[in-house]
Amino acid sequence: MHLSYRIIMRYGNEAASLTAGRDPGDRAPAPGSLRLVQALVNTLNAESEKDLLASADDAARWTATAGLLPAGSRLSGAQQRALVELREAIRQVLGTHTDRAVDAEVASRLTVALSSCRLAPAVQPDGGVRLICSDHDPFGRVVGQIAVVIAEAAAAGTWGRLKSCPGHLCGWAFYDRSAAGRSRWCSMELCGARSKMRAYRGRARVSS
């Protein structure tokens, strides 16, 4: 079974163990294997301070549940920190998707976070070409598979619709399925309403 397909199946069957909370607003998850990247970003729930990558053991369990490493695999402290850095670098890029911004520093951070993996083109029997991870190191393959998913989503035009919510103590990754692609909040009823209330209170303080 191809890895990206296994990821989709695992996400559908074990979503609760891949994210640190439920999607606000009952949004549908990102399409295909892009939901792996969404799940990685959502291993941190900033509001509840629940982090599924908090320790090396936690990170190893998450990668195994996601189908990226065999069950019982171990990660070093340095690898756990690298996975957290990758998560946060992706979150920052998703923030530029939300703001429709161009930020070279943010893009560079993700480039560096992905630089430990090795990717290679694979020519398919039907003439198609796709990227595969060519790492022999298990953790390199974890990073490589995430890089492949991002590259495939960028080619498919879905990468820019994966966003991170700018709400206070949020940062939750959500997939924008709106026609115009201009959704900003993970949930208008939660983060959107809170933002409007903070803005209202701010204006009230200034005018008082």
Protein backbone atom coordinates (compact mmCIF):
# COMPACT_ATOMS: atom_id res chain seq x y z
CA MET A 1 0.00 0.00 0.00
CA HIS A 2 1.37 3.41 -0.93
CA LEU A 3 2.32 5.48 2.10
CA SER A 4 0.16 8.51 1.28
CA TYR A 5 -2.89 6.25 0.95
CA ARG A 6 -2.10 4.64 4.30
CA ILE A 7 -1.88 8.10 5.84
CA ILE A 8 -5.35 8.97 4.53
CA MET A 9 -6.81 5.77 5.95
CA ARG A 10 -5.12 6.24 9.31
CA TYR A 11 -6.25 9.83 9.55
CA GLY A 12 -9.82 8.82 8.89
CA ASN A 13 -9.75 6.03 11.46
CA GLU A 14 -7.58 7.59 14.15
CA ALA A 15 -8.08 11.35 13.86
CA ALA A 16 -8.49 11.76 17.61
CA SER A 17 -5.00 10.41 18.27
CA LEU A 18 -3.37 12.48 15.52
CA THR A 19 -4.55 15.91 16.65
CA ALA A 20 -4.67 17.67 20.00
CA GLY A 21 -8.33 18.62 19.66
CA ARG A 22 -11.35 18.62 17.37
CA ASP A 23 -11.66 20.86 14.32
CA PRO A 24 -13.57 24.01 15.34
CA GLY A 25 -16.65 24.79 13.26
CA ASP A 26 -16.92 21.19 12.03
CA ARG A 27 -14.76 21.96 9.00
CA ALA A 28 -13.93 19.09 6.68
CA PRO A 29 -10.25 18.11 6.80
CA ALA A 30 -7.77 18.87 4.05
CA PRO A 31 -8.06 16.62 0.98
CA GLY A 32 -5.92 13.54 0.45
CA SER A 33 -2.55 13.22 2.11
CA LEU A 34 -2.45 16.98 2.83
CA ARG A 35 -4.42 16.14 5.96
CA LEU A 36 -1.18 14.63 7.31
CA VAL A 37 0.39 18.10 7.30
CA GLN A 38 -2.77 19.52 8.86
CA ALA A 39 -2.64 16.86 11.57
CA LEU A 40 1.04 17.59 12.25
CA VAL A 41 0.34 21.29 12.81
CA ASN A 42 -2.62 20.42 15.01
CA THR A 43 -0.58 18.26 17.36
CA LEU A 44 -0.46 21.44 19.47
CA ASN A 45 -3.58 22.92 21.02
CA ALA A 46 -2.31 26.28 22.27
CA GLU A 47 -5.44 27.06 24.27
CA SER A 48 -5.42 23.82 26.27
CA GLU A 49 -1.58 23.54 26.15
CA LYS A 50 -1.90 19.96 24.94
CA ASP A 51 1.07 18.96 22.79
CA LEU A 52 1.29 15.50 21.21
CA LEU A 53 4.98 16.11 20.41
CA ALA A 54 5.94 17.31 23.88
CA SER A 55 8.62 14.65 24.40
CA ALA A 56 10.64 12.26 22.28
CA ASP A 57 8.37 9.39 23.34
CA ASP A 58 5.27 11.41 22.49
CA ALA A 59 6.69 12.32 19.08
CA ALA A 60 7.58 8.70 18.36
CA ARG A 61 4.04 7.59 19.21
CA TRP A 62 2.57 10.24 16.94
CA THR A 63 4.76 9.36 13.95
CA ALA A 64 3.90 5.69 14.41
CA THR A 65 0.16 6.44 14.63
CA ALA A 66 0.45 8.55 11.47
CA GLY A 67 2.06 5.62 9.67
CA LEU A 68 5.39 7.41 9.24
CA LEU A 69 7.40 5.06 11.46
CA PRO A 70 6.86 1.46 12.57
CA ALA A 71 5.20 0.93 15.94
CA GLY A 72 7.75 0.88 18.74
CA SER A 73 10.16 3.22 16.97
CA ARG A 74 12.13 5.69 19.07
CA LEU A 75 13.18 9.27 18.42
CA SER A 76 16.06 11.15 19.98
CA GLY A 77 15.63 14.48 21.70
CA ALA A 78 17.21 16.21 18.71
CA GLN A 79 14.77 14.51 16.35
CA GLN A 80 11.81 15.50 18.53
CA ARG A 81 12.99 19.11 18.50
CA ALA A 82 13.45 18.96 14.71
CA LEU A 83 9.88 17.67 14.30
CA VAL A 84 8.53 20.47 16.51
CA GLU A 85 10.54 23.01 14.50
CA LEU A 86 9.09 21.58 11.29
CA ARG A 87 5.58 21.86 12.73
CA GLU A 88 6.06 25.48 13.73
CA ALA A 89 7.74 26.39 10.44
CA ILE A 90 4.74 24.96 8.59
CA ARG A 91 2.37 26.86 10.88
CA GLN A 92 4.12 30.12 10.00
CA VAL A 93 3.80 29.43 6.28
CA LEU A 94 0.12 28.62 6.75
CA GLY A 95 -0.18 32.02 8.41
CA THR A 96 1.05 33.66 5.21
CA HIS A 97 -1.65 31.72 3.36
CA THR A 98 -4.22 33.20 5.74
CA ASP A 99 -2.90 36.74 5.33
CA ARG A 100 -2.18 36.35 1.60
CA ALA A 101 1.31 37.60 2.43
CA VAL A 102 4.77 37.04 1.01
CA ASP A 103 7.44 36.49 3.66
CA ALA A 104 10.89 35.34 2.57
CA GLU A 105 12.04 34.71 6.15
CA VAL A 106 9.07 32.44 6.88
CA ALA A 107 9.59 30.55 3.61
CA SER A 108 13.29 30.14 4.41
CA ARG A 109 12.49 28.72 7.85
CA LEU A 110 10.41 25.93 6.31
CA THR A 111 13.03 25.31 3.62
CA VAL A 112 15.66 24.79 6.33
CA ALA A 113 13.32 22.57 8.39
CA LEU A 114 12.84 20.31 5.34
CA SER A 115 16.47 20.37 4.23
CA SER A 116 17.50 17.24 6.14
CA CYS A 117 15.54 14.97 3.77
CA ARG A 118 16.53 13.71 0.33
CA LEU A 119 13.97 13.63 -2.46
CA ALA A 120 14.27 12.09 -5.89
CA PRO A 121 12.06 12.05 -9.01
CA ALA A 122 10.48 8.70 -9.83
CA VAL A 123 9.26 8.06 -13.38
CA GLN A 124 5.99 6.11 -13.44
CA PRO A 125 5.14 3.42 -16.05
CA ASP A 126 2.48 5.73 -17.50
CA GLY A 127 5.07 8.44 -18.06
CA GLY A 128 4.18 10.52 -15.03
CA VAL A 129 6.86 11.79 -12.66
CA ARG A 130 6.48 12.16 -8.91
CA LEU A 131 8.76 12.86 -5.99
CA ILE A 132 9.73 10.11 -3.57
CA CYS A 133 11.78 10.14 -0.40
CA SER A 134 15.14 8.48 -0.97
CA ASP A 135 16.39 8.60 2.62
CA HIS A 136 17.61 5.45 4.34
CA ASP A 137 17.49 7.10 7.76
CA PRO A 138 14.04 6.52 9.34
CA PHE A 139 13.64 10.07 10.63
CA GLY A 140 14.82 11.44 7.30
CA ARG A 141 11.97 9.51 5.71
CA VAL A 142 9.51 11.12 8.12
CA VAL A 143 10.62 14.60 7.03
CA GLY A 144 10.81 13.45 3.42
CA GLN A 145 7.24 12.17 3.35
CA ILE A 146 5.99 15.48 4.73
CA ALA A 147 8.03 17.31 2.09
CA VAL A 148 6.52 15.12 -0.65
CA VAL A 149 2.99 15.84 0.59
CA ILE A 150 3.67 19.60 0.58
CA ALA A 151 5.19 19.48 -2.92
CA GLU A 152 2.29 17.44 -4.29
CA ALA A 153 -0.26 19.77 -2.68
CA ALA A 154 1.51 22.81 -4.12
CA ALA A 155 1.39 21.22 -7.59
CA ALA A 156 -2.30 20.37 -7.13
CA GLY A 157 -3.20 23.89 -5.99
CA THR A 158 -4.41 22.82 -2.54
CA TRP A 159 -1.39 23.94 -0.48
CA GLY A 160 -2.44 27.60 -0.42
CA ARG A 161 -5.85 26.70 1.02
CA LEU A 162 -4.33 25.13 4.13
CA LYS A 163 -4.21 27.99 6.64
CA SER A 164 -3.55 28.67 10.29
CA CYS A 165 -6.04 30.61 12.37
CA PRO A 166 -4.70 33.98 13.64
CA GLY A 167 -6.95 33.88 16.69
CA HIS A 168 -5.47 34.54 20.13
CA LEU A 169 -3.97 31.29 21.49
CA CYS A 170 -5.10 29.42 18.40
CA GLY A 171 -2.95 28.78 15.31
CA TRP A 172 -5.15 25.80 14.42
CA ALA A 173 -4.65 24.54 10.86
CA PHE A 174 -7.82 24.45 8.78
CA TYR A 175 -8.60 23.84 5.13
CA ASP A 176 -10.40 26.68 3.37
CA ARG A 177 -13.06 25.26 1.07
CA SER A 178 -14.83 28.57 0.46
CA ALA A 179 -15.36 29.54 -3.17
CA ALA A 180 -13.23 32.67 -2.92
CA GLY A 181 -10.61 31.08 -0.67
CA ARG A 182 -10.73 33.97 1.79
CA SER A 183 -11.64 32.22 5.05
CA ARG A 184 -9.56 33.62 7.89
CA TRP A 185 -10.75 31.95 11.10
CA CYS A 186 -10.87 28.29 12.07
CA SER A 187 -14.36 29.14 13.33
CA MET A 188 -16.19 32.43 12.83
CA GLU A 189 -18.29 31.62 15.88
CA LEU A 190 -15.21 31.18 18.09
CA CYS A 191 -12.01 32.93 17.00
CA GLY A 192 -13.80 35.30 14.62
CA ALA A 193 -16.27 36.42 17.28
CA ARG A 194 -13.51 36.74 19.90
CA SER A 195 -11.46 38.92 17.56
CA LYS A 196 -14.41 41.20 16.89
CA MET A 197 -15.06 41.50 20.61
CA ARG A 198 -11.42 42.39 21.36
CA ALA A 199 -11.48 44.98 18.58
CA TYR A 200 -14.72 46.45 19.95
CA ARG A 201 -13.29 46.67 23.48
CA GLY A 202 -10.13 48.26 22.11
CA ARG A 203 -12.14 50.96 20.33
CA ALA A 204 -14.22 51.51 23.46
CA ARG A 205 -11.10 52.07 25.59
CA VAL A 206 -9.71 54.56 23.08
CA SER A 207 -12.95 56.56 22.94
CA SER A 208 -13.47 56.60 26.72
